[in-house]
Structures are given as C-alpha cells and as structure tokens.
Amino acid sequence: MKNEEKRKLFEYERQKKLEETKRLAEQHALLIQKVLEDNAKLQEEKKEKFNIKKALAEERKRELDILAEAELKKQMEEDRMKEEARKQVKANMEAMLKEKTDGYLMMMEEKDMKVVRTKQAREEQLQKKHDLDVINRNDKWESVHRQAKMDDYKKQKILEKIQNANERGEKIK
C-alpha cells in the first residue's frame, strides 16, 4: 500500500509540474505577443514621424532653393560690379607682388646659403668628432690589447716560476 501511495503522490506531483510548466509557457507566449505588438506600434509611430519629417524637409528644401536662386542672382550682379574694380586692383597687386616676391626670393637665397654653410660646418664638426672617436677607440683597444699581453706575460712568468719550483721540489725528493 505504501508503494501505491508513493506512486499516486508522484503522479500527482508530476501532473502539478506539467500544469505549472504549461501555465508558465502560456504566460511567456502572451508576454512575447505583447512585446511584438508594442514593437509593431513603435515601428508604425516611427514611420509616421519619419514621413512627417521627410515632408517638412522637402518643403524646407524648396524654400531654400528659392532663396538660393534669389541670392545667386544678387551675387552675380555684385560680382559683375566688383569685377571692374578687381581688374584695376589686380594690376596694382601684381606689381606689389612682384616686388615682394623678388625680395622674398633674395632673402630665401641668403637663408639657403646660410643653411648650406651651417650644414657644412656641422658635417665637418661631426666628421672631426667621428675621427676623434675612432682614434680614442683604437687607443683604448691598443691599451687593452697591450695590457692583455702584459697580463699573459706575467702569467707565463709566474707559471715558469711555479714549474721551476716544482722541478726543484722534485729534484729534492
């Protein structure tokens, strides 16, 4: 009888879980449906706002085109009137420009010559420094090499003394 009760209890609990799962699935489906409907409404509202803004922009563009055309006509008239004044000013400006250009070119030539002289002096200075570095490096190498030879010579002499002492020690034995 205990097994029968356990089986019924288990069957009851399983049925409860299935009902709960079904209920949750239905709630979830309703929630998804609501979200989809809300999104559709938002999309429709955005589309309407976009169409309104588009229409306003097109109207504004037409107005701006009319204003731009009137401005262009006005500007063309002003340009025509200024053109004559510009021609006269241009001749004066060209003469002044030539004078300034000649002065500037002469100044640039002087600067270029200074730069060349400075560059040559710098190159000579760098070459002297390089030569001095090479001499110092060679002196140092020779000094190190000479010291190494002296150390080798001293070692050799010490070894000879040790060998002589060993030989004398051997002879004494």
C-alpha atoms as a PDB file:
ATOM      1  CA  MET A   1       0.000   0.000   0.000  1.00  0.00           C
ATOM      2  CA  LYS A   2       2.877   2.336   0.651  1.00  0.00           C
ATOM      3  CA  ASN A   3       4.129   1.913  -2.898  1.00  0.00           C
ATOM      4  CA  GLU A   4       0.654   2.673  -4.222  1.00  0.00           C
ATOM      5  CA  GLU A   5       0.520   5.889  -2.187  1.00  0.00           C
ATOM      6  CA  LYS A   6       4.021   6.871  -3.304  1.00  0.00           C
ATOM      7  CA  ARG A   7       3.069   6.228  -6.945  1.00  0.00           C
ATOM      8  CA  LYS A   8      -0.101   8.320  -6.606  1.00  0.00           C
ATOM      9  CA  LEU A   9       1.838  11.088  -4.852  1.00  0.00           C
ATOM     10  CA  PHE A  10       4.495  11.013  -7.559  1.00  0.00           C
ATOM     11  CA  GLU A  11       1.805  11.028 -10.291  1.00  0.00           C
ATOM     12  CA  TYR A  12       0.069  13.948  -8.584  1.00  0.00           C
ATOM     13  CA  GLU A  13       3.317  15.960  -8.303  1.00  0.00           C
ATOM     14  CA  ARG A  14       4.198  15.202 -11.944  1.00  0.00           C
ATOM     15  CA  GLN A  15       0.762  16.382 -13.065  1.00  0.00           C
ATOM     16  CA  LYS A  16       1.177  19.586 -10.982  1.00  0.00           C
ATOM     17  CA  LYS A  17       4.576  20.284 -12.548  1.00  0.00           C
ATOM     18  CA  LEU A  18       3.158  19.774 -16.065  1.00  0.00           C
ATOM     19  CA  GLU A  19       0.304  22.163 -15.330  1.00  0.00           C
ATOM     20  CA  GLU A  20       2.738  24.753 -13.888  1.00  0.00           C
ATOM     21  CA  THR A  21       5.026  24.410 -16.928  1.00  0.00           C
ATOM     22  CA  LYS A  22       2.046  24.788 -19.262  1.00  0.00           C
ATOM     23  CA  ARG A  23       0.842  27.857 -17.351  1.00  0.00           C
ATOM     24  CA  LEU A  24       4.311  29.463 -17.479  1.00  0.00           C
ATOM     25  CA  ALA A  25       4.593  28.718 -21.208  1.00  0.00           C
ATOM     26  CA  GLU A  26       1.224  30.395 -21.839  1.00  0.00           C
ATOM     27  CA  GLN A  27       2.309  33.464 -19.808  1.00  0.00           C
ATOM     28  CA  HIS A  28       5.558  33.607 -21.747  1.00  0.00           C
ATOM     29  CA  ALA A  29       3.709  33.362 -25.061  1.00  0.00           C
ATOM     30  CA  LEU A  30       1.373  36.198 -24.006  1.00  0.00           C
ATOM     31  CA  LEU A  31       4.353  38.296 -22.957  1.00  0.00           C
ATOM     32  CA  ILE A  32       6.059  37.708 -26.329  1.00  0.00           C
ATOM     33  CA  GLN A  33       2.844  38.578 -28.159  1.00  0.00           C
ATOM     34  CA  LYS A  34       2.563  41.844 -26.177  1.00  0.00           C
ATOM     35  CA  VAL A  35       6.184  42.758 -26.903  1.00  0.00           C
ATOM     36  CA  LEU A  36       5.659  42.083 -30.622  1.00  0.00           C
ATOM     37  CA  GLU A  37       2.524  44.239 -30.660  1.00  0.00           C
ATOM     38  CA  ASP A  38       4.332  47.048 -28.811  1.00  0.00           C
ATOM     39  CA  ASN A  39       7.230  46.851 -31.294  1.00  0.00           C
ATOM     40  CA  ALA A  40       4.819  46.990 -34.223  1.00  0.00           C
ATOM     41  CA  LYS A  41       3.173  50.100 -32.720  1.00  0.00           C
ATOM     42  CA  LEU A  42       6.567  51.736 -32.154  1.00  0.00           C
ATOM     43  CA  GLN A  43       7.621  50.973 -35.723  1.00  0.00           C
ATOM     44  CA  GLU A  44       4.407  52.461 -37.075  1.00  0.00           C
ATOM     45  CA  GLU A  45       4.856  55.598 -34.928  1.00  0.00           C
ATOM     46  CA  LYS A  46       8.473  55.951 -36.068  1.00  0.00           C
ATOM     47  CA  LYS A  47       7.391  55.543 -39.698  1.00  0.00           C
ATOM     48  CA  GLU A  48       4.755  58.260 -39.309  1.00  0.00           C
ATOM     49  CA  LYS A  49       7.249  60.619 -37.630  1.00  0.00           C
ATOM     50  CA  PHE A  50       9.763  59.905 -40.379  1.00  0.00           C
ATOM     51  CA  ASN A  51       7.226  60.673 -43.108  1.00  0.00           C
ATOM     52  CA  ILE A  52       6.262  63.939 -41.374  1.00  0.00           C
ATOM     53  CA  LYS A  53       9.912  64.969 -41.013  1.00  0.00           C
ATOM     54  CA  LYS A  54      10.550  63.993 -44.631  1.00  0.00           C
ATOM     55  CA  ALA A  55       7.676  66.155 -45.847  1.00  0.00           C
ATOM     56  CA  LEU A  56       8.879  69.083 -43.715  1.00  0.00           C
ATOM     57  CA  ALA A  57      12.413  68.657 -45.017  1.00  0.00           C
ATOM     58  CA  GLU A  58      11.209  68.627 -48.631  1.00  0.00           C
ATOM     59  CA  GLU A  59       9.186  71.800 -48.039  1.00  0.00           C
ATOM     60  CA  ARG A  60      12.178  73.460 -46.377  1.00  0.00           C
ATOM     61  CA  LYS A  61      14.373  72.401 -49.302  1.00  0.00           C
ATOM     62  CA  ARG A  62      12.014  74.027 -51.783  1.00  0.00           C
ATOM     63  CA  GLU A  63      12.066  77.243 -49.748  1.00  0.00           C
ATOM     64  CA  LEU A  64      15.850  77.169 -49.504  1.00  0.00           C
ATOM     65  CA  ASP A  65      16.148  76.553 -53.255  1.00  0.00           C
ATOM     66  CA  ILE A  66      14.053  79.659 -53.947  1.00  0.00           C
ATOM     67  CA  LEU A  67      16.163  81.702 -51.522  1.00  0.00           C
ATOM     68  CA  ALA A  68      19.380  80.318 -53.005  1.00  0.00           C
ATOM     69  CA  GLU A  69      18.270  81.259 -56.533  1.00  0.00           C
ATOM     70  CA  ALA A  70      17.493  84.828 -55.465  1.00  0.00           C
ATOM     71  CA  GLU A  71      20.819  85.028 -53.613  1.00  0.00           C
ATOM     72  CA  LEU A  72      22.631  83.705 -56.683  1.00  0.00           C
ATOM     73  CA  LYS A  73      21.130  86.405 -58.889  1.00  0.00           C
ATOM     74  CA  LYS A  74      22.064  89.072 -56.363  1.00  0.00           C
ATOM     75  CA  GLN A  75      25.572  87.674 -56.050  1.00  0.00           C
ATOM     76  CA  MET A  76      26.044  87.595 -59.830  1.00  0.00           C
ATOM     77  CA  GLU A  77      25.140  91.263 -60.064  1.00  0.00           C
ATOM     78  CA  GLU A  78      27.532  92.159 -57.244  1.00  0.00           C
ATOM     79  CA  ASP A  79      30.274  90.068 -58.855  1.00  0.00           C
ATOM     80  CA  ARG A  80      29.839  91.847 -62.180  1.00  0.00           C
ATOM     81  CA  MET A  81      30.117  95.225 -60.498  1.00  0.00           C
ATOM     82  CA  LYS A  82      33.166  94.195 -58.475  1.00  0.00           C
ATOM     83  CA  GLU A  83      34.924  92.659 -61.453  1.00  0.00           C
ATOM     84  CA  GLU A  84      35.851  96.017 -62.917  1.00  0.00           C
ATOM     85  CA  ALA A  85      37.241  97.224 -59.597  1.00  0.00           C
ATOM     86  CA  ARG A  86      39.144  93.951 -59.268  1.00  0.00           C
ATOM     87  CA  LYS A  87      40.839  94.338 -62.622  1.00  0.00           C
ATOM     88  CA  GLN A  88      42.320  97.660 -61.605  1.00  0.00           C
ATOM     89  CA  VAL A  89      43.334  96.393 -58.151  1.00  0.00           C
ATOM     90  CA  LYS A  90      44.829  93.289 -59.781  1.00  0.00           C
ATOM     91  CA  ALA A  91      47.310  95.305 -61.786  1.00  0.00           C
ATOM     92  CA  ASN A  92      48.439  97.177 -58.643  1.00  0.00           C
ATOM     93  CA  MET A  93      48.649  93.917 -56.688  1.00  0.00           C
ATOM     94  CA  GLU A  94      50.723  92.203 -59.369  1.00  0.00           C
ATOM     95  CA  ALA A  95      53.293  94.992 -59.244  1.00  0.00           C
ATOM     96  CA  MET A  96      53.454  94.812 -55.444  1.00  0.00           C
ATOM     97  CA  LEU A  97      53.580  91.038 -55.543  1.00  0.00           C
ATOM     98  CA  LYS A  98      56.487  91.053 -57.966  1.00  0.00           C
ATOM     99  CA  GLU A  99      58.380  93.426 -55.716  1.00  0.00           C
ATOM    100  CA  LYS A 100      57.678  91.304 -52.635  1.00  0.00           C
ATOM    101  CA  THR A 101      58.474  88.067 -54.481  1.00  0.00           C
ATOM    102  CA  ASP A 102      61.825  89.374 -55.647  1.00  0.00           C
ATOM    103  CA  GLY A 103      62.662  90.459 -52.100  1.00  0.00           C
ATOM    104  CA  TYR A 104      61.485  87.146 -50.682  1.00  0.00           C
ATOM    105  CA  LEU A 105      63.470  85.126 -53.226  1.00  0.00           C
ATOM    106  CA  MET A 106      66.603  87.101 -52.397  1.00  0.00           C
ATOM    107  CA  MET A 107      66.018  86.546 -48.684  1.00  0.00           C
ATOM    108  CA  MET A 108      65.418  82.795 -49.246  1.00  0.00           C
ATOM    109  CA  GLU A 109      68.611  82.556 -51.273  1.00  0.00           C
ATOM    110  CA  GLU A 110      70.537  84.149 -48.398  1.00  0.00           C
ATOM    111  CA  LYS A 111      68.927  81.755 -45.921  1.00  0.00           C
ATOM    112  CA  ASP A 112      69.731  78.796 -48.176  1.00  0.00           C
ATOM    113  CA  MET A 113      73.361  79.861 -48.303  1.00  0.00           C
ATOM    114  CA  LYS A 114      73.432  80.172 -44.508  1.00  0.00           C
ATOM    115  CA  VAL A 115      71.878  76.729 -44.217  1.00  0.00           C
ATOM    116  CA  VAL A 116      74.470  75.261 -46.576  1.00  0.00           C
ATOM    117  CA  ARG A 117      77.310  76.860 -44.613  1.00  0.00           C
ATOM    118  CA  THR A 118      75.841  75.699 -41.323  1.00  0.00           C
ATOM    119  CA  LYS A 119      75.329  72.205 -42.708  1.00  0.00           C
ATOM    120  CA  GLN A 120      78.905  72.055 -43.954  1.00  0.00           C
ATOM    121  CA  ALA A 121      80.216  73.270 -40.589  1.00  0.00           C
ATOM    122  CA  ARG A 122      78.048  70.703 -38.812  1.00  0.00           C
ATOM    123  CA  GLU A 123      79.248  67.926 -41.113  1.00  0.00           C
ATOM    124  CA  GLU A 124      82.868  68.939 -40.528  1.00  0.00           C
ATOM    125  CA  GLN A 125      82.250  69.005 -36.790  1.00  0.00           C
ATOM    126  CA  LEU A 126      80.606  65.574 -36.920  1.00  0.00           C
ATOM    127  CA  GLN A 127      83.464  64.190 -39.028  1.00  0.00           C
ATOM    128  CA  LYS A 128      86.018  65.554 -36.533  1.00  0.00           C
ATOM    129  CA  LYS A 129      84.081  64.016 -33.662  1.00  0.00           C
ATOM    130  CA  HIS A 130      83.862  60.723 -35.532  1.00  0.00           C
ATOM    131  CA  ASP A 131      87.586  60.756 -36.267  1.00  0.00           C
ATOM    132  CA  LEU A 132      88.327  61.543 -32.621  1.00  0.00           C
ATOM    133  CA  ASP A 133      86.027  58.716 -31.517  1.00  0.00           C
ATOM    134  CA  VAL A 134      87.810  56.304 -33.880  1.00  0.00           C
ATOM    135  CA  ILE A 135      91.214  57.402 -32.539  1.00  0.00           C
ATOM    136  CA  ASN A 136      90.042  57.054 -28.934  1.00  0.00           C
ATOM    137  CA  ARG A 137      88.504  53.659 -29.676  1.00  0.00           C
ATOM    138  CA  ASN A 138      91.748  52.483 -31.345  1.00  0.00           C
ATOM    139  CA  ASP A 139      93.822  53.831 -28.431  1.00  0.00           C
ATOM    140  CA  LYS A 140      91.594  52.070 -25.964  1.00  0.00           C
ATOM    141  CA  TRP A 141      91.775  48.821 -27.956  1.00  0.00           C
ATOM    142  CA  GLU A 142      95.564  49.069 -28.164  1.00  0.00           C
ATOM    143  CA  SER A 143      95.763  49.808 -24.450  1.00  0.00           C
ATOM    144  CA  VAL A 144      93.527  46.859 -23.615  1.00  0.00           C
ATOM    145  CA  HIS A 145      95.446  44.628 -26.034  1.00  0.00           C
ATOM    146  CA  ARG A 146      98.798  45.790 -24.571  1.00  0.00           C
ATOM    147  CA  GLN A 147      97.510  45.197 -21.024  1.00  0.00           C
ATOM    148  CA  ALA A 148      96.296  41.714 -22.042  1.00  0.00           C
ATOM    149  CA  LYS A 149      99.750  40.904 -23.455  1.00  0.00           C
ATOM    150  CA  MET A 150     101.387  42.160 -20.256  1.00  0.00           C
ATOM    151  CA  ASP A 151      98.997  40.050 -18.166  1.00  0.00           C
ATOM    152  CA  ASP A 152      99.749  36.992 -20.337  1.00  0.00           C
ATOM    153  CA  TYR A 153     103.481  37.640 -19.946  1.00  0.00           C
ATOM    154  CA  LYS A 154     103.142  37.933 -16.145  1.00  0.00           C
ATOM    155  CA  LYS A 155     101.070  34.743 -16.027  1.00  0.00           C
ATOM    156  CA  GLN A 156     103.675  32.953 -18.121  1.00  0.00           C
ATOM    157  CA  LYS A 157     106.471  34.118 -15.801  1.00  0.00           C
ATOM    158  CA  ILE A 158     104.518  33.024 -12.726  1.00  0.00           C
ATOM    159  CA  LEU A 159     103.862  29.619 -14.338  1.00  0.00           C
ATOM    160  CA  GLU A 160     107.555  29.284 -15.152  1.00  0.00           C
ATOM    161  CA  LYS A 161     108.445  30.106 -11.547  1.00  0.00           C
ATOM    162  CA  ILE A 162     105.907  27.556 -10.312  1.00  0.00           C
ATOM    163  CA  GLN A 163     107.261  24.936 -12.710  1.00  0.00           C
ATOM    164  CA  ASN A 164     110.836  25.699 -11.683  1.00  0.00           C
ATOM    165  CA  ALA A 165     109.833  25.422  -8.041  1.00  0.00           C
ATOM    166  CA  ASN A 166     108.070  22.134  -8.784  1.00  0.00           C
ATOM    167  CA  GLU A 167     111.107  20.817 -10.630  1.00  0.00           C
ATOM    168  CA  ARG A 168     113.370  21.800  -7.733  1.00  0.00           C
ATOM    169  CA  GLY A 169     110.921  20.155  -5.360  1.00  0.00           C
ATOM    170  CA  GLU A 170     111.009  17.006  -7.473  1.00  0.00           C
ATOM    171  CA  LYS A 171     114.812  17.032  -7.552  1.00  0.00           C
ATOM    172  CA  ILE A 172     114.935  17.443  -3.784  1.00  0.00           C
ATOM    173  CA  LYS A 173     112.653  14.437  -3.289  1.00  0.00           C
END
